[in-house]
Amino acid sequence: MRLRLSPAILTTLLLIIGMIVVLIVMGREVICACGTVKLWHGVVLSSENSQHISDWYTPSHIIHGFAFYGLLWLFARRLTIGWRLAIATLLECAWEVVENTNAIIDRYRETTISYDYYGDSVVNSTADVVAMLIGFWMAMKLPVWLVIALTVIFEGVTLYVIRDGLALNIIMLLYPLASIAEWQSGR
């Protein structure tokens, strides 16, 4: 019995491998400089944030999957689900590479609560892509109302626990507001 991968799934896998190679060539740490790989690291204001498999920002990557599925359903419905998944993977991998450039790392450190942010480890970036894939799959399988409810829950919990989330991250990267920065810092 031979396993045959569709061209779209093979493309998806090659995109992930390509992202890993690019991140390594960019000089990203493969694993946390601390020398361990944890399934979960929940301390946001630490040098280990975004260095392990999952953290408080993992839900935002699941939401990326929800959003990519929805947008591709709206605008690329004629494509097979495999090719829509490949496009979503391309977008997420591209973000992971861009997010780990010096320009974006410096921007995070200047405008968000991520003062000690030095970029993601390759393991974390890869896990973020897997989280997006999970979100894409969930959006494909779950009713729309539940995907919307999960988005609100994920954002609400991260806002409550760490004073951050996908929406605030986008705002603070594109148009930083002093009032949000002050609230995030707990002042």
Protein backbone atom coordinates (compact mmCIF):
# COMPACT_ATOMS: atom_id res chain seq x y z
CA MET A 1 0.00 0.00 0.00
CA ARG A 2 1.47 3.35 -1.07
CA LEU A 3 0.66 6.64 0.57
CA ARG A 4 -0.07 9.24 -2.07
CA LEU A 5 -0.02 12.90 -1.10
CA SER A 6 -2.09 15.30 -3.15
CA PRO A 7 -0.15 18.16 -4.73
CA ALA A 8 -1.87 20.62 -2.36
CA ILE A 9 -0.93 18.67 0.78
CA LEU A 10 2.62 18.17 -0.51
CA THR A 11 2.80 21.93 -1.14
CA THR A 12 1.57 22.56 2.41
CA LEU A 13 4.27 20.32 3.86
CA LEU A 14 6.97 21.89 1.66
CA LEU A 15 5.89 25.38 2.77
CA ILE A 16 6.33 24.39 6.42
CA ILE A 17 9.73 22.82 5.73
CA GLY A 18 10.72 25.92 3.73
CA MET A 19 9.72 28.19 6.62
CA ILE A 20 11.82 26.10 9.02
CA VAL A 21 14.84 26.36 6.72
CA VAL A 22 14.41 30.13 6.27
CA LEU A 23 14.10 30.69 10.03
CA ILE A 24 17.25 28.65 10.68
CA VAL A 25 19.15 30.57 7.96
CA MET A 26 17.90 33.82 9.57
CA GLY A 27 19.64 32.69 12.75
CA ARG A 28 16.57 31.88 14.85
CA GLU A 29 17.17 29.54 17.79
CA VAL A 30 15.83 26.07 16.97
CA ILE A 31 14.75 25.52 20.57
CA CYS A 32 14.73 27.80 23.59
CA ALA A 33 18.20 29.04 24.53
CA CYS A 34 17.37 27.63 27.98
CA GLY A 35 18.03 24.18 26.47
CA THR A 36 14.60 22.67 27.05
CA VAL A 37 11.39 22.30 25.11
CA LYS A 38 8.20 22.67 27.14
CA LEU A 39 4.72 21.82 25.95
CA TRP A 40 3.45 25.02 27.65
CA HIS A 41 5.14 28.18 28.87
CA GLY A 42 2.72 30.62 30.47
CA VAL A 43 4.96 33.46 31.63
CA VAL A 44 4.53 36.20 29.04
CA LEU A 45 7.04 38.67 30.42
CA SER A 46 10.02 36.34 30.22
CA SER A 47 12.80 35.47 27.82
CA GLU A 48 11.20 32.03 27.34
CA ASN A 49 7.96 33.43 25.90
CA SER A 50 7.46 32.29 22.29
CA GLN A 51 10.28 29.77 22.71
CA HIS A 52 8.32 26.61 23.50
CA ILE A 53 5.55 24.59 21.82
CA SER A 54 2.62 26.59 23.16
CA ASP A 55 1.99 29.76 25.13
CA TRP A 56 -0.64 32.42 25.64
CA TYR A 57 -0.31 33.43 21.97
CA THR A 58 -1.22 29.98 20.63
CA PRO A 59 -4.97 30.82 20.60
CA SER A 60 -4.26 33.75 18.26
CA HIS A 61 -2.78 31.31 15.75
CA ILE A 62 -5.87 29.12 16.01
CA ILE A 63 -7.88 32.26 15.25
CA HIS A 64 -5.65 32.82 12.19
CA GLY A 65 -6.84 29.41 11.00
CA PHE A 66 -10.47 30.41 11.57
CA ALA A 67 -9.94 33.67 9.67
CA PHE A 68 -8.03 32.11 6.77
CA TYR A 69 -10.67 29.41 6.36
CA GLY A 70 -13.45 32.00 6.36
CA LEU A 71 -11.72 34.39 3.97
CA LEU A 72 -10.74 31.61 1.57
CA TRP A 73 -14.28 30.20 1.72
CA LEU A 74 -15.57 33.65 0.77
CA PHE A 75 -13.04 34.53 -1.92
CA ALA A 76 -11.59 31.26 -3.20
CA ARG A 77 -14.48 28.83 -2.91
CA ARG A 78 -13.73 27.31 -6.32
CA LEU A 79 -10.37 26.01 -5.08
CA THR A 80 -10.25 22.63 -3.42
CA ILE A 81 -9.97 22.57 0.34
CA GLY A 82 -6.40 21.28 -0.07
CA TRP A 83 -5.33 24.33 -2.07
CA ARG A 84 -7.12 26.67 0.33
CA LEU A 85 -5.17 24.97 3.14
CA ALA A 86 -1.93 25.49 1.18
CA ILE A 87 -2.72 29.20 0.77
CA ALA A 88 -3.51 29.52 4.48
CA THR A 89 -0.23 27.78 5.27
CA LEU A 90 1.66 30.12 2.93
CA LEU A 91 0.15 33.12 4.72
CA GLU A 92 0.94 31.76 8.19
CA CYS A 93 4.49 30.74 7.24
CA ALA A 94 5.08 34.14 5.66
CA TRP A 95 3.88 35.82 8.86
CA GLU A 96 6.17 33.65 10.99
CA VAL A 97 9.15 34.68 8.85
CA VAL A 98 8.20 38.38 8.82
CA GLU A 99 7.45 38.31 12.57
CA ASN A 100 11.00 37.12 13.19
CA THR A 101 12.73 39.88 11.25
CA ASN A 102 14.63 42.48 13.25
CA ALA A 103 12.19 45.19 12.14
CA ILE A 104 9.13 43.43 13.56
CA ILE A 105 10.94 42.19 16.68
CA ASP A 106 12.02 45.79 17.39
CA ARG A 107 8.50 47.02 16.69
CA TYR A 108 7.04 44.52 19.19
CA ARG A 109 9.56 45.61 21.81
CA GLU A 110 8.85 49.31 21.22
CA THR A 111 5.05 49.26 21.03
CA THR A 112 3.73 46.23 22.92
CA ILE A 113 4.14 44.62 26.33
CA SER A 114 6.76 42.30 24.81
CA TYR A 115 9.81 44.21 26.06
CA ASP A 116 11.87 41.02 26.40
CA TYR A 117 10.77 39.62 23.03
CA TYR A 118 13.67 38.44 20.89
CA GLY A 119 11.69 36.48 18.31
CA ASP A 120 10.28 32.99 18.23
CA SER A 121 12.23 29.76 18.32
CA VAL A 122 11.84 27.56 15.25
CA VAL A 123 9.93 25.05 17.40
CA ASN A 124 7.49 27.78 18.47
CA SER A 125 7.01 29.08 14.93
CA THR A 126 6.36 25.56 13.67
CA ALA A 127 3.89 24.94 16.50
CA ASP A 128 2.18 28.25 15.62
CA VAL A 129 1.68 26.99 12.06
CA VAL A 130 0.27 23.72 13.44
CA ALA A 131 -2.10 25.77 15.64
CA MET A 132 -3.27 27.62 12.51
CA LEU A 133 -3.82 24.27 10.77
CA ILE A 134 -5.91 23.12 13.74
CA GLY A 135 -7.93 26.34 13.58
CA PHE A 136 -8.46 25.89 9.83
CA TRP A 137 -9.67 22.31 10.40
CA MET A 138 -11.94 23.41 13.27
CA ALA A 139 -13.47 26.15 11.11
CA MET A 140 -14.10 23.59 8.38
CA LYS A 141 -15.83 21.16 10.76
CA LEU A 142 -17.61 23.33 13.34
CA PRO A 143 -20.70 25.50 12.89
CA VAL A 144 -19.98 29.17 12.25
CA TRP A 145 -21.58 30.25 15.53
CA LEU A 146 -19.19 28.01 17.48
CA VAL A 147 -16.12 29.32 15.62
CA ILE A 148 -17.24 32.88 16.43
CA ALA A 149 -17.86 31.92 20.07
CA LEU A 150 -14.43 30.28 20.32
CA THR A 151 -12.81 33.39 18.84
CA VAL A 152 -14.51 35.59 21.44
CA ILE A 153 -13.56 33.16 24.24
CA PHE A 154 -9.92 32.89 23.12
CA GLU A 155 -9.58 36.67 22.83
CA GLY A 156 -11.48 37.28 26.07
CA VAL A 157 -9.38 34.84 28.10
CA THR A 158 -6.06 36.15 26.80
CA LEU A 159 -7.19 39.75 27.32
CA TYR A 160 -8.18 38.93 30.88
CA VAL A 161 -5.13 36.81 31.79
CA ILE A 162 -2.26 38.55 29.97
CA ARG A 163 -3.80 41.84 28.80
CA ASP A 164 -3.01 40.95 25.21
CA GLY A 165 -4.42 39.00 22.29
CA LEU A 166 -4.67 38.99 18.53
CA ALA A 167 -6.73 42.18 18.22
CA LEU A 168 -4.51 44.18 20.58
CA ASN A 169 -1.40 42.80 18.93
CA ILE A 170 -2.59 44.04 15.53
CA ILE A 171 -3.58 47.45 16.90
CA MET A 172 -0.28 47.92 18.73
CA LEU A 173 1.80 46.89 15.72
CA LEU A 174 -0.06 49.09 13.24
CA TYR A 175 -1.18 52.04 15.34
CA PRO A 176 0.15 51.95 18.91
CA LEU A 177 -2.02 53.69 21.46
CA ALA A 178 -0.57 54.98 24.70
CA SER A 179 -3.78 54.14 26.58
CA ILE A 180 -3.53 50.47 25.55
CA ALA A 181 0.19 50.32 26.41
CA GLU A 182 -0.54 51.82 29.81
CA TRP A 183 -3.37 49.34 30.48
CA GLN A 184 -1.21 46.40 29.33
CA SER A 185 1.59 47.39 31.68
CA GLY A 186 -0.85 47.36 34.60
CA ARG A 187 -0.54 51.06 35.40
